[in-house]
Amino acid sequence: MKKLFIFLFLASSVSFIGCTPKAEQANEEAVQQEAVEATEEAAEATEEAAAVTEEAAEAVTEEAAEAADEAAAAVEEAADEAAEAVKDAASH
């Protein structure tokens, strides 16, 4: 009976040890697959961010150009008013 118990114990130990590398390999493959998917998602997100950044830069550039034009017009108008004020002051 003792020999049978030892035999069953050794057989069950071999069974447990035999399954361990397969589980580790499956785990490594799952981790590797998740890493590949995460990398692909990060690449897509980077491309989208680059496109949005480029659009935002173009919009800011256009807004800055419009603001500069408006400022130039306001400066020109102020200069004209100042010139008229100087002429009025000189004629009095």
PDB file of N, CA and C in Angstrom:
ATOM      1  N   MET A   1       0.821  -1.183   0.000  1.00  0.00           N
ATOM      2  CA  MET A   1       0.000   0.000   0.000  1.00  0.00           C
ATOM      3  C   MET A   1       0.866   1.248   0.000  1.00  0.00           C
ATOM      4  N   LYS A   2       1.960   1.158   0.724  1.00  0.00           N
ATOM      5  CA  LYS A   2       2.871   2.281   0.788  1.00  0.00           C
ATOM      6  C   LYS A   2       3.456   2.572  -0.593  1.00  0.00           C
ATOM      7  N   LYS A   3       3.808   1.541  -1.319  1.00  0.00           N
ATOM      8  CA  LYS A   3       4.371   1.705  -2.660  1.00  0.00           C
ATOM      9  C   LYS A   3       3.342   2.324  -3.610  1.00  0.00           C
ATOM     10  N   LEU A   4       2.101   1.930  -3.484  1.00  0.00           N
ATOM     11  CA  LEU A   4       1.041   2.485  -4.329  1.00  0.00           C
ATOM     12  C   LEU A   4       0.861   3.971  -4.041  1.00  0.00           C
ATOM     13  N   PHE A   5       0.864   4.342  -2.767  1.00  0.00           N
ATOM     14  CA  PHE A   5       0.736   5.752  -2.395  1.00  0.00           C
ATOM     15  C   PHE A   5       1.900   6.580  -2.946  1.00  0.00           C
ATOM     16  N   ILE A   6       3.104   6.071  -2.829  1.00  0.00           N
ATOM     17  CA  ILE A   6       4.282   6.778  -3.346  1.00  0.00           C
ATOM     18  C   ILE A   6       4.192   6.900  -4.863  1.00  0.00           C
ATOM     19  N   PHE A   7       3.763   5.840  -5.527  1.00  0.00           N
ATOM     20  CA  PHE A   7       3.628   5.875  -6.988  1.00  0.00           C
ATOM     21  C   PHE A   7       2.603   6.920  -7.412  1.00  0.00           C
ATOM     22  N   LEU A   8       1.451   6.965  -6.750  1.00  0.00           N
ATOM     23  CA  LEU A   8       0.416   7.945  -7.090  1.00  0.00           C
ATOM     24  C   LEU A   8       0.900   9.373  -6.811  1.00  0.00           C
ATOM     25  N   PHE A   9       1.619   9.529  -5.711  1.00  0.00           N
ATOM     26  CA  PHE A   9       2.164  10.837  -5.388  1.00  0.00           C
ATOM     27  C   PHE A   9       3.138  11.306  -6.470  1.00  0.00           C
ATOM     28  N   LEU A  10       4.032  10.437  -6.900  1.00  0.00           N
ATOM     29  CA  LEU A  10       4.998  10.800  -7.940  1.00  0.00           C
ATOM     30  C   LEU A  10       4.304  11.069  -9.279  1.00  0.00           C
ATOM     31  N   ALA A  11       3.303  10.283  -9.585  1.00  0.00           N
ATOM     32  CA  ALA A  11       2.572  10.488 -10.843  1.00  0.00           C
ATOM     33  C   ALA A  11       1.848  11.833 -10.830  1.00  0.00           C
ATOM     34  N   SER A  12       1.226  12.168  -9.714  1.00  0.00           N
ATOM     35  CA  SER A  12       0.531  13.459  -9.636  1.00  0.00           C
ATOM     36  C   SER A  12       1.526  14.621  -9.666  1.00  0.00           C
ATOM     37  N   SER A  13       2.691  14.442  -9.064  1.00  0.00           N
ATOM     38  CA  SER A  13       3.717  15.490  -9.101  1.00  0.00           C
ATOM     39  C   SER A  13       4.188  15.740 -10.520  1.00  0.00           C
ATOM     40  N   VAL A  14       4.392  14.664 -11.258  1.00  0.00           N
ATOM     41  CA  VAL A  14       4.812  14.800 -12.660  1.00  0.00           C
ATOM     42  C   VAL A  14       3.725  15.506 -13.462  1.00  0.00           C
ATOM     43  N   SER A  15       2.469  15.235 -13.171  1.00  0.00           N
ATOM     44  CA  SER A  15       1.365  15.879 -13.880  1.00  0.00           C
ATOM     45  C   SER A  15       1.368  17.391 -13.634  1.00  0.00           C
ATOM     46  N   PHE A  16       1.536  17.758 -12.376  1.00  0.00           N
ATOM     47  CA  PHE A  16       1.555  19.186 -12.067  1.00  0.00           C
ATOM     48  C   PHE A  16       2.757  19.885 -12.683  1.00  0.00           C
ATOM     49  N   ILE A  17       3.895  19.280 -12.635  1.00  0.00           N
ATOM     50  CA  ILE A  17       5.107  19.874 -13.196  1.00  0.00           C
ATOM     51  C   ILE A  17       5.018  19.944 -14.714  1.00  0.00           C
ATOM     52  N   GLY A  18       4.398  18.962 -15.327  1.00  0.00           N
ATOM     53  CA  GLY A  18       4.258  18.948 -16.785  1.00  0.00           C
ATOM     54  C   GLY A  18       3.368  20.071 -17.297  1.00  0.00           C
ATOM     55  N   CYS A  19       2.424  20.531 -16.514  1.00  0.00           N
ATOM     56  CA  CYS A  19       1.500  21.588 -16.953  1.00  0.00           C
ATOM     57  C   CYS A  19       2.070  22.985 -16.753  1.00  0.00           C
ATOM     58  N   THR A  20       3.011  23.144 -15.892  1.00  0.00           N
ATOM     59  CA  THR A  20       3.519  24.467 -15.542  1.00  0.00           C
ATOM     60  C   THR A  20       4.128  25.227 -16.719  1.00  0.00           C
ATOM     61  N   PRO A  21       5.039  24.661 -17.508  1.00  0.00           N
ATOM     62  CA  PRO A  21       5.619  25.450 -18.607  1.00  0.00           C
ATOM     63  C   PRO A  21       4.603  25.892 -19.644  1.00  0.00           C
ATOM     64  N   LYS A  22       3.600  25.087 -19.884  1.00  0.00           N
ATOM     65  CA  LYS A  22       2.585  25.475 -20.856  1.00  0.00           C
ATOM     66  C   LYS A  22       1.811  26.691 -20.369  1.00  0.00           C
ATOM     67  N   ALA A  23       1.510  26.720 -19.090  1.00  0.00           N
ATOM     68  CA  ALA A  23       0.789  27.866 -18.539  1.00  0.00           C
ATOM     69  C   ALA A  23       1.638  29.124 -18.617  1.00  0.00           C
ATOM     70  N   GLU A  24       2.934  29.002 -18.318  1.00  0.00           N
ATOM     71  CA  GLU A  24       3.821  30.162 -18.398  1.00  0.00           C
ATOM     72  C   GLU A  24       3.952  30.643 -19.836  1.00  0.00           C
ATOM     73  N   GLN A  25       4.041  29.707 -20.777  1.00  0.00           N
ATOM     74  CA  GLN A  25       4.175  30.073 -22.183  1.00  0.00           C
ATOM     75  C   GLN A  25       2.904  30.783 -22.667  1.00  0.00           C
ATOM     76  N   ALA A  26       1.751  30.268 -22.269  1.00  0.00           N
ATOM     77  CA  ALA A  26       0.493  30.914 -22.654  1.00  0.00           C
ATOM     78  C   ALA A  26       0.421  32.312 -22.052  1.00  0.00           C
ATOM     79  N   ASN A  27       0.887  32.460 -20.821  1.00  0.00           N
ATOM     80  CA  ASN A  27       0.881  33.764 -20.169  1.00  0.00           C
ATOM     81  C   ASN A  27       1.807  34.728 -20.895  1.00  0.00           C
ATOM     82  N   GLU A  28       2.990  34.272 -21.285  1.00  0.00           N
ATOM     83  CA  GLU A  28       3.934  35.121 -22.009  1.00  0.00           C
ATOM     84  C   GLU A  28       3.368  35.542 -23.355  1.00  0.00           C
ATOM     85  N   GLU A  29       2.701  34.612 -24.041  1.00  0.00           N
ATOM     86  CA  GLU A  29       2.100  34.954 -25.333  1.00  0.00           C
ATOM     87  C   GLU A  29       0.988  35.987 -25.167  1.00  0.00           C
ATOM     88  N   ALA A  30       0.201  35.852 -24.113  1.00  0.00           N
ATOM     89  CA  ALA A  30      -0.871  36.815 -23.863  1.00  0.00           C
ATOM     90  C   ALA A  30      -0.300  38.197 -23.570  1.00  0.00           C
ATOM     91  N   VAL A  31       0.740  38.242 -22.778  1.00  0.00           N
ATOM     92  CA  VAL A  31       1.380  39.529 -22.454  1.00  0.00           C
ATOM     93  C   VAL A  31       1.972  40.145 -23.715  1.00  0.00           C
ATOM     94  N   GLN A  32       2.610  39.331 -24.530  1.00  0.00           N
ATOM     95  CA  GLN A  32       3.210  39.836 -25.764  1.00  0.00           C
ATOM     96  C   GLN A  32       2.126  40.360 -26.708  1.00  0.00           C
ATOM     97  N   GLN A  33       1.009  39.649 -26.805  1.00  0.00           N
ATOM     98  CA  GLN A  33      -0.090  40.092 -27.666  1.00  0.00           C
ATOM     99  C   GLN A  33      -0.657  41.423 -27.174  1.00  0.00           C
ATOM    100  N   GLU A  34      -0.806  41.555 -25.858  1.00  0.00           N
ATOM    101  CA  GLU A  34      -1.310  42.815 -25.299  1.00  0.00           C
ATOM    102  C   GLU A  34      -0.336  43.955 -25.562  1.00  0.00           C
ATOM    103  N   ALA A  35       0.956  43.664 -25.506  1.00  0.00           N
ATOM    104  CA  ALA A  35       1.951  44.698 -25.775  1.00  0.00           C
ATOM    105  C   ALA A  35       1.874  45.154 -27.228  1.00  0.00           C
ATOM    106  N   VAL A  36       1.672  44.215 -28.142  1.00  0.00           N
ATOM    107  CA  VAL A  36       1.556  44.563 -29.564  1.00  0.00           C
ATOM    108  C   VAL A  36       0.317  45.420 -29.785  1.00  0.00           C
ATOM    109  N   GLU A  37      -0.792  45.023 -29.173  1.00  0.00           N
ATOM    110  CA  GLU A  37      -2.028  45.799 -29.328  1.00  0.00           C
ATOM    111  C   GLU A  37      -1.875  47.197 -28.740  1.00  0.00           C
ATOM    112  N   ALA A  38      -1.237  47.298 -27.591  1.00  0.00           N
ATOM    113  CA  ALA A  38      -1.034  48.611 -26.966  1.00  0.00           C
ATOM    114  C   ALA A  38      -0.141  49.494 -27.827  1.00  0.00           C
ATOM    115  N   THR A  39       0.861  48.895 -28.436  1.00  0.00           N
ATOM    116  CA  THR A  39       1.755  49.660 -29.309  1.00  0.00           C
ATOM    117  C   THR A  39       1.005  50.174 -30.527  1.00  0.00           C
ATOM    118  N   GLU A  40       0.161  49.323 -31.100  1.00  0.00           N
ATOM    119  CA  GLU A  40      -0.625  49.753 -32.266  1.00  0.00           C
ATOM    120  C   GLU A  40      -1.580  50.881 -31.886  1.00  0.00           C
ATOM    121  N   GLU A  41      -2.231  50.750 -30.732  1.00  0.00           N
ATOM    122  CA  GLU A  41      -3.137  51.811 -30.287  1.00  0.00           C
ATOM    123  C   GLU A  41      -2.388  53.108 -30.033  1.00  0.00           C
ATOM    124  N   ALA A  42      -1.201  53.009 -29.457  1.00  0.00           N
ATOM    125  CA  ALA A  42      -0.402  54.206 -29.203  1.00  0.00           C
ATOM    126  C   ALA A  42       0.018  54.867 -30.508  1.00  0.00           C
ATOM    127  N   ALA A  43       0.345  54.060 -31.523  1.00  0.00           N
ATOM    128  CA  ALA A  43       0.734  54.617 -32.817  1.00  0.00           C
ATOM    129  C   ALA A  43      -0.441  55.351 -33.451  1.00  0.00           C
ATOM    130  N   GLU A  44      -1.624  54.757 -33.372  1.00  0.00           N
ATOM    131  CA  GLU A  44      -2.813  55.414 -33.929  1.00  0.00           C
ATOM    132  C   GLU A  44      -3.104  56.719 -33.188  1.00  0.00           C
ATOM    133  N   ALA A  45      -2.990  56.676 -31.868  1.00  0.00           N
ATOM    134  CA  ALA A  45      -3.252  57.881 -31.079  1.00  0.00           C
ATOM    135  C   ALA A  45      -2.240  58.978 -31.395  1.00  0.00           C
ATOM    136  N   THR A  46      -0.997  58.585 -31.622  1.00  0.00           N
ATOM    137  CA  THR A  46       0.038  59.561 -31.966  1.00  0.00           C
ATOM    138  C   THR A  46      -0.257  60.205 -33.311  1.00  0.00           C
ATOM    139  N   GLU A  47      -0.685  59.406 -34.279  1.00  0.00           N
ATOM    140  CA  GLU A  47      -1.028  59.958 -35.594  1.00  0.00           C
ATOM    141  C   GLU A  47      -2.205  60.922 -35.494  1.00  0.00           C
ATOM    142  N   GLU A  48      -3.217  60.546 -34.716  1.00  0.00           N
ATOM    143  CA  GLU A  48      -4.370  61.427 -34.539  1.00  0.00           C
ATOM    144  C   GLU A  48      -3.960  62.725 -33.847  1.00  0.00           C
ATOM    145  N   ALA A  49      -3.117  62.615 -32.835  1.00  0.00           N
ATOM    146  CA  ALA A  49      -2.659  63.805 -32.123  1.00  0.00           C
ATOM    147  C   ALA A  49      -1.858  64.714 -33.036  1.00  0.00           C
ATOM    148  N   ALA A  50      -1.046  64.126 -33.905  1.00  0.00           N
ATOM    149  CA  ALA A  50      -0.253  64.933 -34.834  1.00  0.00           C
ATOM    150  C   ALA A  50      -1.171  65.690 -35.790  1.00  0.00           C
ATOM    151  N   ALA A  51      -2.207  65.017 -36.278  1.00  0.00           N
ATOM    152  CA  ALA A  51      -3.138  65.674 -37.192  1.00  0.00           C
ATOM    153  C   ALA A  51      -3.877  66.813 -36.497  1.00  0.00           C
ATOM    154  N   VAL A  52      -4.328  66.579 -35.280  1.00  0.00           N
ATOM    155  CA  VAL A  52      -5.047  67.615 -34.531  1.00  0.00           C
ATOM    156  C   VAL A  52      -4.119  68.785 -34.212  1.00  0.00           C
ATOM    157  N   THR A  53      -2.883  68.482 -33.863  1.00  0.00           N
ATOM    158  CA  THR A  53      -1.921  69.533 -33.566  1.00  0.00           C
ATOM    159  C   THR A  53      -1.656  70.390 -34.791  1.00  0.00           C
ATOM    160  N   GLU A  54      -1.532  69.743 -35.942  1.00  0.00           N
ATOM    161  CA  GLU A  54      -1.295  70.488 -37.181  1.00  0.00           C
ATOM    162  C   GLU A  54      -2.477  71.393 -37.506  1.00  0.00           C
ATOM    163  N   GLU A  55      -3.700  70.867 -37.340  1.00  0.00           N
ATOM    164  CA  GLU A  55      -4.888  71.684 -37.591  1.00  0.00           C
ATOM    165  C   GLU A  55      -4.952  72.868 -36.624  1.00  0.00           C
ATOM    166  N   ALA A  56      -4.614  72.611 -35.367  1.00  0.00           N
ATOM    167  CA  ALA A  56      -4.648  73.683 -34.370  1.00  0.00           C
ATOM    168  C   ALA A  56      -3.602  74.746 -34.688  1.00  0.00           C
ATOM    169  N   ALA A  57      -2.433  74.316 -35.134  1.00  0.00           N
ATOM    170  CA  ALA A  57      -1.379  75.274 -35.484  1.00  0.00           C
ATOM    171  C   ALA A  57      -1.815  76.141 -36.657  1.00  0.00           C
ATOM    172  N   GLU A  58      -2.453  75.537 -37.647  1.00  0.00           N
ATOM    173  CA  GLU A  58      -2.937  76.311 -38.793  1.00  0.00           C
ATOM    174  C   GLU A  58      -4.000  77.311 -38.354  1.00  0.00           C
ATOM    175  N   ALA A  59      -4.908  76.878 -37.464  1.00  0.00           N
ATOM    176  CA  ALA A  59      -5.965  77.767 -36.988  1.00  0.00           C
ATOM    177  C   ALA A  59      -5.378  78.925 -36.191  1.00  0.00           C
ATOM    178  N   VAL A  60      -4.401  78.632 -35.347  1.00  0.00           N
ATOM    179  CA  VAL A  60      -3.773  79.685 -34.546  1.00  0.00           C
ATOM    180  C   VAL A  60      -3.034  80.658 -35.449  1.00  0.00           C
ATOM    181  N   THR A  61      -2.364  80.135 -36.464  1.00  0.00           N
ATOM    182  CA  THR A  61      -1.640  81.005 -37.399  1.00  0.00           C
ATOM    183  C   THR A  61      -2.602  81.935 -38.133  1.00  0.00           C
ATOM    184  N   GLU A  62      -3.741  81.381 -38.573  1.00  0.00           N
ATOM    185  CA  GLU A  62      -4.733  82.211 -39.258  1.00  0.00           C
ATOM    186  C   GLU A  62      -5.298  83.263 -38.312  1.00  0.00           C
ATOM    187  N   GLU A  63      -5.601  82.866 -37.074  1.00  0.00           N
ATOM    188  CA  GLU A  63      -6.130  83.815 -36.099  1.00  0.00           C
ATOM    189  C   GLU A  63      -5.106  84.899 -35.777  1.00  0.00           C
ATOM    190  N   ALA A  64      -3.847  84.524 -35.685  1.00  0.00           N
ATOM    191  CA  ALA A  64      -2.800  85.508 -35.396  1.00  0.00           C
ATOM    192  C   ALA A  64      -2.656  86.489 -36.554  1.00  0.00           C
ATOM    193  N   ALA A  65      -2.761  85.985 -37.786  1.00  0.00           N
ATOM    194  CA  ALA A  65      -2.667  86.863 -38.950  1.00  0.00           C
ATOM    195  C   ALA A  65      -3.840  87.849 -38.965  1.00  0.00           C
ATOM    196  N   GLU A  66      -5.039  87.365 -38.654  1.00  0.00           N
ATOM    197  CA  GLU A  66      -6.203  88.246 -38.611  1.00  0.00           C
ATOM    198  C   GLU A  66      -6.044  89.292 -37.497  1.00  0.00           C
ATOM    199  N   ALA A  67      -5.560  88.856 -36.357  1.00  0.00           N
ATOM    200  CA  ALA A  67      -5.370  89.789 -35.245  1.00  0.00           C
ATOM    201  C   ALA A  67      -4.315  90.833 -35.595  1.00  0.00           C
ATOM    202  N   ALA A  68      -3.257  90.427 -36.283  1.00  0.00           N
ATOM    203  CA  ALA A  68      -2.214  91.370 -36.686  1.00  0.00           C
ATOM    204  C   ALA A  68      -2.768  92.381 -37.678  1.00  0.00           C
ATOM    205  N   ASP A  69      -3.600  91.917 -38.604  1.00  0.00           N
ATOM    206  CA  ASP A  69      -4.217  92.838 -39.567  1.00  0.00           C
ATOM    207  C   ASP A  69      -5.115  93.844 -38.854  1.00  0.00           C
ATOM    208  N   GLU A  70      -5.892  93.358 -37.897  1.00  0.00           N
ATOM    209  CA  GLU A  70      -6.772  94.255 -37.140  1.00  0.00           C
ATOM    210  C   GLU A  70      -5.957  95.252 -36.325  1.00  0.00           C
ATOM    211  N   ALA A  71      -4.871  94.785 -35.727  1.00  0.00           N
ATOM    212  CA  ALA A  71      -4.022  95.685 -34.943  1.00  0.00           C
ATOM    213  C   ALA A  71      -3.377  96.728 -35.841  1.00  0.00           C
ATOM    214  N   ALA A  72      -2.943  96.313 -37.027  1.00  0.00           N
ATOM    215  CA  ALA A  72      -2.326  97.258 -37.955  1.00  0.00           C
ATOM    216  C   ALA A  72      -3.340  98.321 -38.379  1.00  0.00           C
ATOM    217  N   ALA A  73      -4.566  97.894 -38.625  1.00  0.00           N
ATOM    218  CA  ALA A  73      -5.610  98.850 -39.001  1.00  0.00           C
ATOM    219  C   ALA A  73      -5.891  99.814 -37.850  1.00  0.00           C
ATOM    220  N   ALA A  74      -5.923  99.308 -36.633  1.00  0.00           N
ATOM    221  CA  ALA A  74      -6.182 100.166 -35.480  1.00  0.00           C
ATOM    222  C   ALA A  74      -5.040 101.152 -35.275  1.00  0.00           C
ATOM    223  N   VAL A  75      -3.793 100.710 -35.474  1.00  0.00           N
ATOM    224  CA  VAL A  75      -2.637 101.596 -35.334  1.00  0.00           C
ATOM    225  C   VAL A  75      -2.685 102.686 -36.405  1.00  0.00           C
ATOM    226  N   GLU A  76      -3.010 102.285 -37.607  1.00  0.00           N
ATOM    227  CA  GLU A  76      -3.093 103.262 -38.703  1.00  0.00           C
ATOM    228  C   GLU A  76      -4.182 104.300 -38.423  1.00  0.00           C
ATOM    229  N   GLU A  77      -5.311 103.843 -37.917  1.00  0.00           N
ATOM    230  CA  GLU A  77      -6.407 104.757 -37.591  1.00  0.00           C
ATOM    231  C   GLU A  77      -5.996 105.695 -36.455  1.00  0.00           C
ATOM    232  N   ALA A  78      -5.308 105.153 -35.448  1.00  0.00           N
ATOM    233  CA  ALA A  78      -4.855 105.981 -34.333  1.00  0.00           C
ATOM    234  C   ALA A  78      -3.823 107.005 -34.817  1.00  0.00           C
ATOM    235  N   ALA A  79      -2.953 106.592 -35.736  1.00  0.00           N
ATOM    236  CA  ALA A  79      -1.955 107.519 -36.273  1.00  0.00           C
ATOM    237  C   ALA A  79      -2.631 108.644 -37.054  1.00  0.00           C
ATOM    238  N   ASP A  80      -3.649 108.296 -37.820  1.00  0.00           N
ATOM    239  CA  ASP A  80      -4.389 109.328 -38.560  1.00  0.00           C
ATOM    240  C   ASP A  80      -5.066 110.313 -37.607  1.00  0.00           C
ATOM    241  N   GLU A  81      -5.668 109.786 -36.556  1.00  0.00           N
ATOM    242  CA  GLU A  81      -6.326 110.659 -35.580  1.00  0.00           C
ATOM    243  C   GLU A  81      -5.308 111.546 -34.876  1.00  0.00           C
ATOM    244  N   ALA A  82      -4.141 110.989 -34.578  1.00  0.00           N
ATOM    245  CA  ALA A  82      -3.101 111.784 -33.922  1.00  0.00           C
ATOM    246  C   ALA A  82      -2.599 112.870 -34.864  1.00  0.00           C
ATOM    247  N   ALA A  83      -2.460 112.545 -36.130  1.00  0.00           N
ATOM    248  CA  ALA A  83      -2.008 113.551 -37.105  1.00  0.00           C
ATOM    249  C   ALA A  83      -3.028 114.669 -37.229  1.00  0.00           C
ATOM    250  N   GLU A  84      -4.300 114.331 -37.233  1.00  0.00           N
ATOM    251  CA  GLU A  84      -5.341 115.344 -37.312  1.00  0.00           C
ATOM    252  C   GLU A  84      -5.338 116.210 -36.051  1.00  0.00           C
ATOM    253  N   ALA A  85      -5.111 115.579 -34.910  1.00  0.00           N
ATOM    254  CA  ALA A  85      -5.077 116.331 -33.658  1.00  0.00           C
ATOM    255  C   ALA A  85      -3.902 117.296 -33.656  1.00  0.00           C
ATOM    256  N   VAL A  86      -2.765 116.890 -34.205  1.00  0.00           N
ATOM    257  CA  VAL A  86      -1.595 117.767 -34.269  1.00  0.00           C
ATOM    258  C   VAL A  86      -1.881 118.928 -35.219  1.00  0.00           C
ATOM    259  N   LYS A  87      -2.524 118.653 -36.345  1.00  0.00           N
ATOM    260  CA  LYS A  87      -2.861 119.719 -37.291  1.00  0.00           C
ATOM    261  C   LYS A  87      -3.818 120.721 -36.663  1.00  0.00           C
ATOM    262  N   ASP A  88      -4.813 120.203 -35.938  1.00  0.00           N
ATOM    263  CA  ASP A  88      -5.772 121.091 -35.267  1.00  0.00           C
ATOM    264  C   ASP A  88      -5.075 121.943 -34.207  1.00  0.00           C
ATOM    265  N   ALA A  89      -4.163 121.321 -33.472  1.00  0.00           N
ATOM    266  CA  ALA A  89      -3.457 122.054 -32.436  1.00  0.00           C
ATOM    267  C   ALA A  89      -2.525 123.090 -33.054  1.00  0.00           C
ATOM    268  N   ALA A  90      -1.932 122.779 -34.189  1.00  0.00           N
ATOM    269  CA  ALA A  90      -1.019 123.714 -34.853  1.00  0.00           C
ATOM    270  C   ALA A  90      -1.782 124.876 -35.462  1.00  0.00           C
ATOM    271  N   SER A  91      -2.971 124.673 -35.944  1.00  0.00           N
ATOM    272  CA  SER A  91      -3.730 125.746 -36.561  1.00  0.00           C
ATOM    273  C   SER A  91      -4.402 126.648 -35.531  1.00  0.00           C
ATOM    274  N   HIS A  92      -4.500 126.300 -34.321  1.00  0.00           N
ATOM    275  CA  HIS A  92      -5.113 127.165 -33.315  1.00  0.00           C
ATOM    276  C   HIS A  92      -4.106 127.970 -32.654  1.00  0.00           C
TER     277      HIS A  92
END
